[in-house]
Amino acid sequence: MRWGARHWYAIRLNLTLSLHLWFASENLIPFTRWITPTNLSKRFTTQMYLYFLPLPSESPAHGSLPVQSEAIIPIPTSDGGIEHTAARFLPPSTWLSMARSGEIILFPPQFFLLHLLHPYLSPENVPNIVEPQELARQREALLDFLQTGDPPWGEKCMSPTGVMWKSGDGRAVLALDKPGPELEGSGRSGDSERVVLVKFNKEGPRELEVAWKKDVFKEERRLKGKL
């Protein structure tokens, strides 16, 4: 951790203690670990978590949550707006659509995780409101999903690796099955079934897509067979 990061962490921790605040760290749910690919000069390891905001305890008539309007969090001012500019609560499917349209930039790990989340945290079946009971049901289904796989999603570790360029559109195909050279022989592994397709432009990653690895390789063999 750099000195600057340690400095700001100490300030925030002291402020938290002085205000008698507490971190609900026991509610953090591990959801994959990512390690920067080896072809980049600056590399990091990042542990991802899920955190569910508390559900309203009121009756459905008073506890319904709007899902079409944006929940805007005030712009932080402690650092002059350098670190954060705005925060919004939107469904995963909305963030994915914004990335596909080019309105925002999501990097492969962010896009991949939102892709996994959106079938479970979705307001499509309740277009105007999401009742607390429905949110609880969706969360339970997501928690069940996190226990699937070998290893389960809370233990997966992924270092994206380019395996080929997709014929036709030139997008890079990133495999997610390996944890990176630092963890070779550790028994850690990622997702061997899915890949991320992406085109890296100057402004950032574009045209992202999550696909089944077997389907991408099958289509690639078919296209090459026509040459």
C-alpha atoms as a PDB file:
ATOM      1  CA  MET A   1       0.000   0.000   0.000  1.00  0.00           C
ATOM      2  CA  ARG A   2       1.467   3.354  -0.987  1.00  0.00           C
ATOM      3  CA  TRP A   3       2.035   6.087   1.603  1.00  0.00           C
ATOM      4  CA  GLY A   4      -0.810   8.161   0.198  1.00  0.00           C
ATOM      5  CA  ALA A   5      -3.238   5.270   0.476  1.00  0.00           C
ATOM      6  CA  ARG A   6      -2.111   4.540   4.047  1.00  0.00           C
ATOM      7  CA  HIS A   7      -2.462   8.228   4.918  1.00  0.00           C
ATOM      8  CA  TRP A   8      -6.032   8.504   3.650  1.00  0.00           C
ATOM      9  CA  TYR A   9      -6.966   5.167   5.216  1.00  0.00           C
ATOM     10  CA  ALA A  10      -5.732   6.402   8.631  1.00  0.00           C
ATOM     11  CA  ILE A  11      -7.687   9.653   8.304  1.00  0.00           C
ATOM     12  CA  ARG A  12     -10.897   7.848   7.375  1.00  0.00           C
ATOM     13  CA  LEU A  13     -10.449   5.249  10.114  1.00  0.00           C
ATOM     14  CA  ASN A  14      -9.916   7.963  12.756  1.00  0.00           C
ATOM     15  CA  LEU A  15     -12.954   9.857  11.478  1.00  0.00           C
ATOM     16  CA  THR A  16     -15.027   6.685  11.613  1.00  0.00           C
ATOM     17  CA  LEU A  17     -13.948   5.946  15.190  1.00  0.00           C
ATOM     18  CA  SER A  18     -14.545   9.530  16.333  1.00  0.00           C
ATOM     19  CA  LEU A  19     -18.090   9.453  14.945  1.00  0.00           C
ATOM     20  CA  HIS A  20     -18.740   6.015  16.489  1.00  0.00           C
ATOM     21  CA  LEU A  21     -19.453   4.490  13.077  1.00  0.00           C
ATOM     22  CA  TRP A  22     -18.883   0.837  12.235  1.00  0.00           C
ATOM     23  CA  PHE A  23     -18.218  -1.202   9.109  1.00  0.00           C
ATOM     24  CA  ALA A  24     -20.657  -4.016   8.350  1.00  0.00           C
ATOM     25  CA  SER A  25     -17.785  -6.166   7.088  1.00  0.00           C
ATOM     26  CA  GLU A  26     -19.554  -9.369   8.139  1.00  0.00           C
ATOM     27  CA  ASN A  27     -22.096  -8.656   5.377  1.00  0.00           C
ATOM     28  CA  LEU A  28     -19.467  -8.634   2.619  1.00  0.00           C
ATOM     29  CA  ILE A  29     -19.875 -11.689   0.389  1.00  0.00           C
ATOM     30  CA  PRO A  30     -16.728 -12.761  -1.527  1.00  0.00           C
ATOM     31  CA  PHE A  31     -17.381 -12.780  -5.281  1.00  0.00           C
ATOM     32  CA  THR A  32     -14.207 -13.642  -7.227  1.00  0.00           C
ATOM     33  CA  ARG A  33     -10.655 -12.358  -7.052  1.00  0.00           C
ATOM     34  CA  TRP A  34      -8.915 -10.785 -10.055  1.00  0.00           C
ATOM     35  CA  ILE A  35      -5.231 -10.407 -10.893  1.00  0.00           C
ATOM     36  CA  THR A  36      -4.004  -8.046 -13.609  1.00  0.00           C
ATOM     37  CA  PRO A  37      -2.767  -9.828 -16.771  1.00  0.00           C
ATOM     38  CA  THR A  38       0.986 -10.265 -17.045  1.00  0.00           C
ATOM     39  CA  ASN A  39       1.271  -8.154 -20.210  1.00  0.00           C
ATOM     40  CA  LEU A  40       0.595  -4.950 -18.227  1.00  0.00           C
ATOM     41  CA  SER A  41       3.402  -3.152 -16.390  1.00  0.00           C
ATOM     42  CA  LYS A  42       1.348  -2.260 -13.313  1.00  0.00           C
ATOM     43  CA  ARG A  43      -0.388  -5.248 -11.796  1.00  0.00           C
ATOM     44  CA  PHE A  44      -2.813  -5.567  -8.921  1.00  0.00           C
ATOM     45  CA  THR A  45      -4.831  -8.153  -7.075  1.00  0.00           C
ATOM     46  CA  THR A  46      -8.439  -7.203  -6.352  1.00  0.00           C
ATOM     47  CA  GLN A  47     -10.909  -9.098  -4.193  1.00  0.00           C
ATOM     48  CA  MET A  48     -14.495  -8.455  -5.256  1.00  0.00           C
ATOM     49  CA  TYR A  49     -17.425  -8.561  -2.858  1.00  0.00           C
ATOM     50  CA  LEU A  50     -21.192  -8.312  -2.949  1.00  0.00           C
ATOM     51  CA  TYR A  51     -23.027  -6.240  -0.380  1.00  0.00           C
ATOM     52  CA  PHE A  52     -26.820  -6.112  -0.054  1.00  0.00           C
ATOM     53  CA  LEU A  53     -28.361  -2.928   1.296  1.00  0.00           C
ATOM     54  CA  PRO A  54     -30.835  -3.649   4.118  1.00  0.00           C
ATOM     55  CA  LEU A  55     -34.371  -4.294   2.940  1.00  0.00           C
ATOM     56  CA  PRO A  56     -37.175  -2.003   4.117  1.00  0.00           C
ATOM     57  CA  SER A  57     -39.023  -3.413   7.099  1.00  0.00           C
ATOM     58  CA  GLU A  58     -42.261  -1.588   6.337  1.00  0.00           C
ATOM     59  CA  SER A  59     -45.315  -3.173   4.747  1.00  0.00           C
ATOM     60  CA  PRO A  60     -45.311  -3.505   0.928  1.00  0.00           C
ATOM     61  CA  ALA A  61     -47.411  -0.356   0.568  1.00  0.00           C
ATOM     62  CA  HIS A  62     -44.685   1.703   2.220  1.00  0.00           C
ATOM     63  CA  GLY A  63     -41.675  -0.417   1.486  1.00  0.00           C
ATOM     64  CA  SER A  64     -41.725  -0.642  -2.285  1.00  0.00           C
ATOM     65  CA  LEU A  65     -38.506   0.494  -3.927  1.00  0.00           C
ATOM     66  CA  PRO A  66     -38.434   2.490  -7.181  1.00  0.00           C
ATOM     67  CA  VAL A  67     -36.273   0.891  -9.829  1.00  0.00           C
ATOM     68  CA  GLN A  68     -36.755   3.114 -12.870  1.00  0.00           C
ATOM     69  CA  SER A  69     -35.613   6.367 -11.271  1.00  0.00           C
ATOM     70  CA  GLU A  70     -31.988   6.855 -10.303  1.00  0.00           C
ATOM     71  CA  ALA A  71     -30.890   7.074  -6.683  1.00  0.00           C
ATOM     72  CA  ILE A  72     -28.303   9.840  -6.674  1.00  0.00           C
ATOM     73  CA  ILE A  73     -25.728   9.934  -3.891  1.00  0.00           C
ATOM     74  CA  PRO A  74     -24.399  13.464  -3.152  1.00  0.00           C
ATOM     75  CA  ILE A  75     -21.010  14.225  -4.667  1.00  0.00           C
ATOM     76  CA  PRO A  76     -18.277  13.708  -2.049  1.00  0.00           C
ATOM     77  CA  THR A  77     -16.395  16.908  -1.268  1.00  0.00           C
ATOM     78  CA  SER A  78     -13.675  15.741   1.129  1.00  0.00           C
ATOM     79  CA  ASP A  79     -11.187  15.394  -1.725  1.00  0.00           C
ATOM     80  CA  GLY A  80     -12.551  18.146  -3.951  1.00  0.00           C
ATOM     81  CA  GLY A  81     -14.381  15.633  -6.148  1.00  0.00           C
ATOM     82  CA  ILE A  82     -11.164  14.077  -7.471  1.00  0.00           C
ATOM     83  CA  GLU A  83     -11.776  10.527  -6.273  1.00  0.00           C
ATOM     84  CA  HIS A  84     -15.529  10.379  -6.887  1.00  0.00           C
ATOM     85  CA  THR A  85     -17.800  12.492  -9.042  1.00  0.00           C
ATOM     86  CA  ALA A  86     -21.178  10.731  -8.698  1.00  0.00           C
ATOM     87  CA  ALA A  87     -22.771   7.482  -7.663  1.00  0.00           C
ATOM     88  CA  ARG A  88     -25.956   5.885  -8.915  1.00  0.00           C
ATOM     89  CA  PHE A  89     -27.979   2.800  -8.063  1.00  0.00           C
ATOM     90  CA  LEU A  90     -29.178   1.081 -11.250  1.00  0.00           C
ATOM     91  CA  PRO A  91     -30.018  -2.540 -12.133  1.00  0.00           C
ATOM     92  CA  PRO A  92     -27.128  -4.618 -13.550  1.00  0.00           C
ATOM     93  CA  SER A  93     -28.942  -4.895 -16.878  1.00  0.00           C
ATOM     94  CA  THR A  94     -28.971  -1.082 -17.200  1.00  0.00           C
ATOM     95  CA  TRP A  95     -25.213  -0.796 -16.613  1.00  0.00           C
ATOM     96  CA  LEU A  96     -24.636  -3.519 -19.223  1.00  0.00           C
ATOM     97  CA  SER A  97     -26.824  -1.716 -21.756  1.00  0.00           C
ATOM     98  CA  MET A  98     -24.998   1.558 -21.142  1.00  0.00           C
ATOM     99  CA  ALA A  99     -21.658  -0.161 -21.706  1.00  0.00           C
ATOM    100  CA  ARG A 100     -22.848  -1.808 -24.931  1.00  0.00           C
ATOM    101  CA  SER A 101     -24.107   1.532 -26.267  1.00  0.00           C
ATOM    102  CA  GLY A 102     -20.818   3.260 -25.463  1.00  0.00           C
ATOM    103  CA  GLU A 103     -22.359   5.574 -22.875  1.00  0.00           C
ATOM    104  CA  ILE A 104     -20.013   4.298 -20.158  1.00  0.00           C
ATOM    105  CA  ILE A 105     -16.812   2.252 -20.037  1.00  0.00           C
ATOM    106  CA  LEU A 106     -16.723  -1.023 -18.145  1.00  0.00           C
ATOM    107  CA  PHE A 107     -13.594  -3.121 -17.980  1.00  0.00           C
ATOM    108  CA  PRO A 108     -13.836  -6.887 -18.521  1.00  0.00           C
ATOM    109  CA  PRO A 109     -14.045  -7.843 -14.800  1.00  0.00           C
ATOM    110  CA  GLN A 110     -16.835  -5.331 -14.156  1.00  0.00           C
ATOM    111  CA  PHE A 111     -18.772  -6.336 -17.263  1.00  0.00           C
ATOM    112  CA  PHE A 112     -18.330 -10.030 -16.499  1.00  0.00           C
ATOM    113  CA  LEU A 113     -19.591  -9.773 -12.923  1.00  0.00           C
ATOM    114  CA  LEU A 114     -22.577  -7.628 -13.897  1.00  0.00           C
ATOM    115  CA  HIS A 115     -23.380 -10.200 -16.579  1.00  0.00           C
ATOM    116  CA  LEU A 116     -23.485 -12.879 -13.892  1.00  0.00           C
ATOM    117  CA  LEU A 117     -25.626 -10.761 -11.590  1.00  0.00           C
ATOM    118  CA  HIS A 118     -28.278  -9.460 -13.947  1.00  0.00           C
ATOM    119  CA  PRO A 119     -30.393 -12.652 -14.271  1.00  0.00           C
ATOM    120  CA  TYR A 120     -30.837 -12.676 -10.483  1.00  0.00           C
ATOM    121  CA  LEU A 121     -31.136  -8.968  -9.653  1.00  0.00           C
ATOM    122  CA  SER A 122     -33.609  -7.947 -12.301  1.00  0.00           C
ATOM    123  CA  PRO A 123     -36.643  -5.630 -12.167  1.00  0.00           C
ATOM    124  CA  GLU A 124     -37.950  -6.697 -15.590  1.00  0.00           C
ATOM    125  CA  ASN A 125     -40.821  -8.729 -14.131  1.00  0.00           C
ATOM    126  CA  VAL A 126     -41.898  -5.838 -11.896  1.00  0.00           C
ATOM    127  CA  PRO A 127     -41.569  -2.761 -14.140  1.00  0.00           C
ATOM    128  CA  ASN A 128     -42.505  -0.034 -11.654  1.00  0.00           C
ATOM    129  CA  ILE A 129     -41.529  -1.260  -8.209  1.00  0.00           C
ATOM    130  CA  VAL A 130     -39.660  -4.097  -6.570  1.00  0.00           C
ATOM    131  CA  GLU A 131     -41.295  -5.326  -3.376  1.00  0.00           C
ATOM    132  CA  PRO A 132     -38.996  -6.232  -0.471  1.00  0.00           C
ATOM    133  CA  GLN A 133     -40.259  -9.813  -0.676  1.00  0.00           C
ATOM    134  CA  GLU A 134     -39.256 -10.029  -4.343  1.00  0.00           C
ATOM    135  CA  LEU A 135     -35.852  -8.528  -3.615  1.00  0.00           C
ATOM    136  CA  ALA A 136     -35.330 -11.083  -0.849  1.00  0.00           C
ATOM    137  CA  ARG A 137     -36.258 -13.884  -3.240  1.00  0.00           C
ATOM    138  CA  GLN A 138     -33.851 -12.614  -5.903  1.00  0.00           C
ATOM    139  CA  ARG A 139     -31.047 -12.335  -3.363  1.00  0.00           C
ATOM    140  CA  GLU A 140     -31.584 -15.876  -2.105  1.00  0.00           C
ATOM    141  CA  ALA A 141     -31.425 -17.171  -5.693  1.00  0.00           C
ATOM    142  CA  LEU A 142     -28.181 -15.262  -6.242  1.00  0.00           C
ATOM    143  CA  LEU A 143     -26.651 -16.624  -3.032  1.00  0.00           C
ATOM    144  CA  ASP A 144     -27.526 -20.148  -4.191  1.00  0.00           C
ATOM    145  CA  PHE A 145     -25.774 -19.452  -7.506  1.00  0.00           C
ATOM    146  CA  LEU A 146     -22.621 -18.263  -5.719  1.00  0.00           C
ATOM    147  CA  GLN A 147     -22.258 -21.708  -4.175  1.00  0.00           C
ATOM    148  CA  THR A 148     -22.158 -23.421  -7.560  1.00  0.00           C
ATOM    149  CA  GLY A 149     -19.090 -24.227  -9.634  1.00  0.00           C
ATOM    150  CA  ASP A 150     -15.738 -25.781  -8.833  1.00  0.00           C
ATOM    151  CA  PRO A 151     -14.438 -23.786  -7.100  1.00  0.00           C
ATOM    152  CA  PRO A 152     -17.512 -21.775  -6.039  1.00  0.00           C
ATOM    153  CA  TRP A 153     -17.672 -18.148  -7.102  1.00  0.00           C
ATOM    154  CA  GLY A 154     -16.419 -16.791  -3.811  1.00  0.00           C
ATOM    155  CA  GLU A 155     -13.150 -18.697  -4.298  1.00  0.00           C
ATOM    156  CA  LYS A 156     -12.557 -18.248  -8.024  1.00  0.00           C
ATOM    157  CA  CYS A 157      -9.405 -16.338  -8.952  1.00  0.00           C
ATOM    158  CA  MET A 158      -8.996 -15.024 -12.501  1.00  0.00           C
ATOM    159  CA  SER A 159      -6.200 -13.405 -14.457  1.00  0.00           C
ATOM    160  CA  PRO A 160      -7.600 -12.730 -17.959  1.00  0.00           C
ATOM    161  CA  THR A 161      -5.487 -14.246 -20.718  1.00  0.00           C
ATOM    162  CA  GLY A 162      -5.812 -13.471 -24.413  1.00  0.00           C
ATOM    163  CA  VAL A 163      -6.144 -16.725 -26.339  1.00  0.00           C
ATOM    164  CA  MET A 164      -7.026 -15.522 -29.842  1.00  0.00           C
ATOM    165  CA  TRP A 165      -8.558 -12.819 -32.012  1.00  0.00           C
ATOM    166  CA  LYS A 166     -12.111 -13.538 -33.063  1.00  0.00           C
ATOM    167  CA  SER A 167     -12.526 -13.912 -36.799  1.00  0.00           C
ATOM    168  CA  GLY A 168     -14.841 -11.374 -38.366  1.00  0.00           C
ATOM    169  CA  ASP A 169     -14.763  -8.550 -35.843  1.00  0.00           C
ATOM    170  CA  GLY A 170     -11.209  -8.746 -34.502  1.00  0.00           C
ATOM    171  CA  ARG A 171     -12.195  -8.760 -30.853  1.00  0.00           C
ATOM    172  CA  ALA A 172      -9.833 -10.293 -28.317  1.00  0.00           C
ATOM    173  CA  VAL A 173     -11.018 -13.483 -26.635  1.00  0.00           C
ATOM    174  CA  LEU A 174     -10.026 -13.492 -22.957  1.00  0.00           C
ATOM    175  CA  ALA A 175      -9.927 -16.794 -21.101  1.00  0.00           C
ATOM    176  CA  LEU A 176     -10.684 -16.655 -17.377  1.00  0.00           C
ATOM    177  CA  ASP A 177      -9.614 -20.098 -16.214  1.00  0.00           C
ATOM    178  CA  LYS A 178      -6.120 -19.297 -14.881  1.00  0.00           C
ATOM    179  CA  PRO A 179      -5.317 -17.452 -11.610  1.00  0.00           C
ATOM    180  CA  GLY A 180      -2.050 -15.886 -12.785  1.00  0.00           C
ATOM    181  CA  PRO A 181       1.581 -17.018 -12.442  1.00  0.00           C
ATOM    182  CA  GLU A 182       1.811 -15.975  -8.793  1.00  0.00           C
ATOM    183  CA  LEU A 183      -0.771 -18.604  -7.846  1.00  0.00           C
ATOM    184  CA  GLU A 184       0.354 -21.452 -10.079  1.00  0.00           C
ATOM    185  CA  GLY A 185       0.347 -24.675  -8.085  1.00  0.00           C
ATOM    186  CA  SER A 186      -1.813 -23.161  -5.348  1.00  0.00           C
ATOM    187  CA  GLY A 187      -4.949 -25.009  -6.393  1.00  0.00           C
ATOM    188  CA  ARG A 188      -6.737 -21.744  -7.196  1.00  0.00           C
ATOM    189  CA  SER A 189      -8.550 -21.464 -10.519  1.00  0.00           C
ATOM    190  CA  GLY A 190     -11.075 -19.306 -12.337  1.00  0.00           C
ATOM    191  CA  ASP A 191     -13.984 -19.896 -14.701  1.00  0.00           C
ATOM    192  CA  SER A 192     -13.194 -22.510 -17.342  1.00  0.00           C
ATOM    193  CA  GLU A 193     -16.576 -22.275 -19.102  1.00  0.00           C
ATOM    194  CA  ARG A 194     -16.882 -18.622 -20.093  1.00  0.00           C
ATOM    195  CA  VAL A 195     -14.775 -16.081 -21.977  1.00  0.00           C
ATOM    196  CA  VAL A 196     -14.961 -12.327 -22.458  1.00  0.00           C
ATOM    197  CA  LEU A 197     -14.863 -10.827 -25.946  1.00  0.00           C
ATOM    198  CA  VAL A 198     -13.602  -7.256 -26.102  1.00  0.00           C
ATOM    199  CA  LYS A 199     -12.153  -4.683 -28.475  1.00  0.00           C
ATOM    200  CA  PHE A 200      -9.543  -2.458 -26.845  1.00  0.00           C
ATOM    201  CA  ASN A 201      -9.643   1.094 -28.204  1.00  0.00           C
ATOM    202  CA  LYS A 202      -7.746   4.193 -27.141  1.00  0.00           C
ATOM    203  CA  GLU A 203     -10.608   5.349 -24.916  1.00  0.00           C
ATOM    204  CA  GLY A 204     -10.962   1.940 -23.285  1.00  0.00           C
ATOM    205  CA  PRO A 205     -12.601  -1.456 -23.780  1.00  0.00           C
ATOM    206  CA  ARG A 206     -15.585  -1.580 -26.121  1.00  0.00           C
ATOM    207  CA  GLU A 207     -17.952  -4.159 -27.660  1.00  0.00           C
ATOM    208  CA  LEU A 208     -17.777  -6.416 -24.611  1.00  0.00           C
ATOM    209  CA  GLU A 209     -19.586  -9.719 -24.559  1.00  0.00           C
ATOM    210  CA  VAL A 210     -19.575 -12.741 -22.265  1.00  0.00           C
ATOM    211  CA  ALA A 211     -19.890 -16.045 -24.104  1.00  0.00           C
ATOM    212  CA  TRP A 212     -19.519 -19.757 -23.515  1.00  0.00           C
ATOM    213  CA  LYS A 213     -15.999 -20.802 -24.390  1.00  0.00           C
ATOM    214  CA  LYS A 214     -17.135 -23.937 -26.231  1.00  0.00           C
ATOM    215  CA  ASP A 215     -19.460 -21.890 -28.458  1.00  0.00           C
ATOM    216  CA  VAL A 216     -16.742 -19.350 -29.342  1.00  0.00           C
ATOM    217  CA  PHE A 217     -14.218 -22.035 -30.246  1.00  0.00           C
ATOM    218  CA  LYS A 218     -16.829 -24.014 -32.211  1.00  0.00           C
ATOM    219  CA  GLU A 219     -17.757 -20.927 -34.229  1.00  0.00           C
ATOM    220  CA  GLU A 220     -14.078 -20.135 -34.811  1.00  0.00           C
ATOM    221  CA  ARG A 221     -13.430 -23.636 -36.181  1.00  0.00           C
ATOM    222  CA  ARG A 222     -16.463 -23.276 -38.428  1.00  0.00           C
ATOM    223  CA  LEU A 223     -15.281 -19.940 -39.836  1.00  0.00           C
ATOM    224  CA  LYS A 224     -11.741 -21.177 -40.405  1.00  0.00           C
ATOM    225  CA  GLY A 225     -13.082 -24.258 -42.123  1.00  0.00           C
ATOM    226  CA  LYS A 226     -14.570 -22.006 -44.802  1.00  0.00           C
ATOM    227  CA  LEU A 227     -11.244 -20.407 -45.663  1.00  0.00           C
END
